[in-house]
Amino acid sequence: IPLLVAALCGFSVIIIVTLIVFVFRQEMRVWFHSKFGVRLFYRNSDMDKNERDKLFDAFVSYSSKDEAFVAEELAPLLENGDPSYKLCLHYRDFPVGAYIADTIVQAVESSRRTIMVLSE
């Protein structure tokens, strides 16, 4: 009888822990990634197919006052780092003479993410 009680208690604990992990799986993924840099249960298929087909990894939005910082520090760091990212930059990737608002919309739509450089 004591062995049966111990087995049932152990089985109950396993079921409860599994249920808690299942219910809070997203929170656990975020916590592990922020705390340890580990991506639990991550697959490339988690990324939407539309995201994978985008031309750029990120569009960098910045003021003309910050162009030197972006061109000399931020872009080389992100494009030559490990992992390297393909950036959409105004001075390099925007067509000359095009309407700027339309070009920005197109750049955002063709990028997976948007990086905004904020300054005073």
C-alpha atoms as a PDB file:
ATOM      1  CA  ILE A   1       0.000   0.000   0.000  1.00  0.00           C
ATOM      2  CA  PRO A   2       2.757   2.583   0.801  1.00  0.00           C
ATOM      3  CA  LEU A   3       4.361   1.868  -2.590  1.00  0.00           C
ATOM      4  CA  LEU A   4       1.038   2.414  -4.354  1.00  0.00           C
ATOM      5  CA  VAL A   5       0.481   5.718  -2.519  1.00  0.00           C
ATOM      6  CA  ALA A   6       4.007   6.885  -3.402  1.00  0.00           C
ATOM      7  CA  ALA A   7       3.504   5.945  -7.058  1.00  0.00           C
ATOM      8  CA  LEU A   8       0.162   7.777  -7.214  1.00  0.00           C
ATOM      9  CA  CYS A   9       1.672  10.859  -5.555  1.00  0.00           C
ATOM     10  CA  GLY A  10       4.610  10.815  -7.957  1.00  0.00           C
ATOM     11  CA  PHE A  11       2.311  10.402 -10.942  1.00  0.00           C
ATOM     12  CA  SER A  12       0.095  13.256  -9.684  1.00  0.00           C
ATOM     13  CA  VAL A  13       3.109  15.554  -9.285  1.00  0.00           C
ATOM     14  CA  ILE A  14       4.270  14.757 -12.831  1.00  0.00           C
ATOM     15  CA  ILE A  15       0.795  15.474 -14.239  1.00  0.00           C
ATOM     16  CA  ILE A  16       0.511  18.769 -12.318  1.00  0.00           C
ATOM     17  CA  VAL A  17       3.988  19.950 -13.382  1.00  0.00           C
ATOM     18  CA  THR A  18       3.254  19.015 -17.012  1.00  0.00           C
ATOM     19  CA  LEU A  19      -0.031  20.915 -16.872  1.00  0.00           C
ATOM     20  CA  ILE A  20       1.645  24.009 -15.383  1.00  0.00           C
ATOM     21  CA  VAL A  21       4.384  23.928 -18.040  1.00  0.00           C
ATOM     22  CA  PHE A  22       1.756  23.597 -20.775  1.00  0.00           C
ATOM     23  CA  VAL A  23      -0.409  26.446 -19.480  1.00  0.00           C
ATOM     24  CA  PHE A  24       2.514  28.848 -18.930  1.00  0.00           C
ATOM     25  CA  ARG A  25       4.691  27.729 -21.857  1.00  0.00           C
ATOM     26  CA  GLN A  26       4.825  31.149 -23.568  1.00  0.00           C
ATOM     27  CA  GLU A  27       5.768  32.935 -20.351  1.00  0.00           C
ATOM     28  CA  MET A  28       8.441  30.294 -19.692  1.00  0.00           C
ATOM     29  CA  ARG A  29       9.859  30.719 -23.207  1.00  0.00           C
ATOM     30  CA  VAL A  30      10.117  34.493 -22.718  1.00  0.00           C
ATOM     31  CA  TRP A  31      11.637  34.138 -19.243  1.00  0.00           C
ATOM     32  CA  PHE A  32      14.263  31.593 -20.354  1.00  0.00           C
ATOM     33  CA  HIS A  33      15.196  33.700 -23.375  1.00  0.00           C
ATOM     34  CA  SER A  34      15.493  36.932 -21.368  1.00  0.00           C
ATOM     35  CA  LYS A  35      17.350  35.280 -18.479  1.00  0.00           C
ATOM     36  CA  PHE A  36      19.636  32.798 -20.245  1.00  0.00           C
ATOM     37  CA  GLY A  37      19.415  33.612 -23.967  1.00  0.00           C
ATOM     38  CA  VAL A  38      17.926  30.158 -24.589  1.00  0.00           C
ATOM     39  CA  ARG A  39      15.065  29.694 -27.038  1.00  0.00           C
ATOM     40  CA  LEU A  40      12.924  26.825 -25.813  1.00  0.00           C
ATOM     41  CA  PHE A  41      10.877  24.875 -28.327  1.00  0.00           C
ATOM     42  CA  TYR A  42      11.896  27.280 -31.107  1.00  0.00           C
ATOM     43  CA  ARG A  43      11.670  26.176 -34.707  1.00  0.00           C
ATOM     44  CA  ASN A  44      12.272  28.110 -37.899  1.00  0.00           C
ATOM     45  CA  SER A  45       8.715  27.211 -38.827  1.00  0.00           C
ATOM     46  CA  ASP A  46       7.604  29.472 -35.949  1.00  0.00           C
ATOM     47  CA  MET A  47       8.520  32.379 -38.183  1.00  0.00           C
ATOM     48  CA  ASP A  48       5.709  33.149 -40.572  1.00  0.00           C
ATOM     49  CA  LYS A  49       6.463  32.254 -44.190  1.00  0.00           C
ATOM     50  CA  ASN A  50       5.796  35.861 -45.200  1.00  0.00           C
ATOM     51  CA  GLU A  51       8.446  36.989 -42.719  1.00  0.00           C
ATOM     52  CA  ARG A  52      11.055  34.632 -44.179  1.00  0.00           C
ATOM     53  CA  ASP A  53      10.453  35.919 -47.707  1.00  0.00           C
ATOM     54  CA  LYS A  54      11.119  39.573 -46.843  1.00  0.00           C
ATOM     55  CA  LEU A  55      14.036  41.280 -48.567  1.00  0.00           C
ATOM     56  CA  PHE A  56      15.526  42.838 -45.413  1.00  0.00           C
ATOM     57  CA  ASP A  57      15.894  41.741 -41.805  1.00  0.00           C
ATOM     58  CA  ALA A  58      15.286  45.293 -40.559  1.00  0.00           C
ATOM     59  CA  PHE A  59      14.531  48.805 -41.772  1.00  0.00           C
ATOM     60  CA  VAL A  60      16.450  51.454 -39.821  1.00  0.00           C
ATOM     61  CA  SER A  61      14.507  54.679 -39.290  1.00  0.00           C
ATOM     62  CA  TYR A  62      16.640  57.637 -38.209  1.00  0.00           C
ATOM     63  CA  SER A  63      16.985  61.402 -38.412  1.00  0.00           C
ATOM     64  CA  SER A  64      19.389  62.953 -40.911  1.00  0.00           C
ATOM     65  CA  LYS A  65      21.333  64.193 -37.849  1.00  0.00           C
ATOM     66  CA  ASP A  66      22.020  60.558 -36.926  1.00  0.00           C
ATOM     67  CA  GLU A  67      23.168  59.433 -40.377  1.00  0.00           C
ATOM     68  CA  ALA A  68      26.846  59.372 -39.365  1.00  0.00           C
ATOM     69  CA  PHE A  69      26.076  57.210 -36.309  1.00  0.00           C
ATOM     70  CA  VAL A  70      23.967  54.811 -38.364  1.00  0.00           C
ATOM     71  CA  ALA A  71      26.438  54.584 -41.266  1.00  0.00           C
ATOM     72  CA  GLU A  72      29.632  54.354 -39.203  1.00  0.00           C
ATOM     73  CA  GLU A  73      28.582  52.492 -36.046  1.00  0.00           C
ATOM     74  CA  LEU A  74      25.147  50.857 -36.046  1.00  0.00           C
ATOM     75  CA  ALA A  75      25.022  49.416 -39.573  1.00  0.00           C
ATOM     76  CA  PRO A  76      28.538  47.890 -39.545  1.00  0.00           C
ATOM     77  CA  LEU A  77      27.883  46.379 -36.109  1.00  0.00           C
ATOM     78  CA  LEU A  78      24.631  44.724 -37.193  1.00  0.00           C
ATOM     79  CA  GLU A  79      25.650  43.784 -40.742  1.00  0.00           C
ATOM     80  CA  ASN A  80      29.063  42.352 -39.836  1.00  0.00           C
ATOM     81  CA  GLY A  81      28.168  40.841 -36.459  1.00  0.00           C
ATOM     82  CA  ASP A  82      27.291  37.287 -35.602  1.00  0.00           C
ATOM     83  CA  PRO A  83      24.544  36.807 -36.611  1.00  0.00           C
ATOM     84  CA  SER A  84      24.670  39.320 -39.434  1.00  0.00           C
ATOM     85  CA  TYR A  85      21.557  41.211 -40.476  1.00  0.00           C
ATOM     86  CA  LYS A  86      20.587  42.668 -43.839  1.00  0.00           C
ATOM     87  CA  LEU A  87      19.500  46.251 -43.175  1.00  0.00           C
ATOM     88  CA  CYS A  88      17.462  48.651 -45.281  1.00  0.00           C
ATOM     89  CA  LEU A  89      19.137  52.049 -44.933  1.00  0.00           C
ATOM     90  CA  HIS A  90      17.884  55.347 -46.371  1.00  0.00           C
ATOM     91  CA  TYR A  91      21.206  56.582 -47.767  1.00  0.00           C
ATOM     92  CA  ARG A  92      21.949  53.287 -49.494  1.00  0.00           C
ATOM     93  CA  ASP A  93      18.709  51.495 -50.353  1.00  0.00           C
ATOM     94  CA  PHE A  94      16.159  54.206 -51.162  1.00  0.00           C
ATOM     95  CA  PRO A  95      15.728  55.098 -54.851  1.00  0.00           C
ATOM     96  CA  VAL A  96      16.840  58.633 -55.730  1.00  0.00           C
ATOM     97  CA  GLY A  97      14.001  61.014 -56.559  1.00  0.00           C
ATOM     98  CA  ALA A  98      11.214  58.779 -55.234  1.00  0.00           C
ATOM     99  CA  TYR A  99       8.489  60.135 -52.955  1.00  0.00           C
ATOM    100  CA  ILE A 100       9.914  59.610 -49.450  1.00  0.00           C
ATOM    101  CA  ALA A 101       6.664  58.648 -47.667  1.00  0.00           C
ATOM    102  CA  ASP A 102       5.900  55.910 -50.197  1.00  0.00           C
ATOM    103  CA  THR A 103       9.478  54.678 -50.039  1.00  0.00           C
ATOM    104  CA  ILE A 104       9.365  54.419 -46.239  1.00  0.00           C
ATOM    105  CA  VAL A 105       6.120  52.423 -46.382  1.00  0.00           C
ATOM    106  CA  GLN A 106       7.676  50.098 -48.960  1.00  0.00           C
ATOM    107  CA  ALA A 107      10.836  49.711 -46.831  1.00  0.00           C
ATOM    108  CA  VAL A 108       8.814  48.806 -43.720  1.00  0.00           C
ATOM    109  CA  GLU A 109       6.729  46.294 -45.673  1.00  0.00           C
ATOM    110  CA  SER A 110       9.823  44.639 -47.164  1.00  0.00           C
ATOM    111  CA  SER A 111      11.544  44.280 -43.760  1.00  0.00           C
ATOM    112  CA  ARG A 112      10.925  41.801 -40.951  1.00  0.00           C
ATOM    113  CA  ARG A 113      11.462  44.404 -38.238  1.00  0.00           C
ATOM    114  CA  THR A 114      11.866  48.169 -37.858  1.00  0.00           C
ATOM    115  CA  ILE A 115      14.652  49.750 -35.813  1.00  0.00           C
ATOM    116  CA  MET A 116      14.053  53.345 -34.736  1.00  0.00           C
ATOM    117  CA  VAL A 117      17.045  55.457 -33.726  1.00  0.00           C
ATOM    118  CA  LEU A 118      15.797  58.066 -31.260  1.00  0.00           C
ATOM    119  CA  SER A 119      17.771  61.205 -30.499  1.00  0.00           C
ATOM    120  CA  GLU A 120      17.217  64.700 -29.159  1.00  0.00           C
END
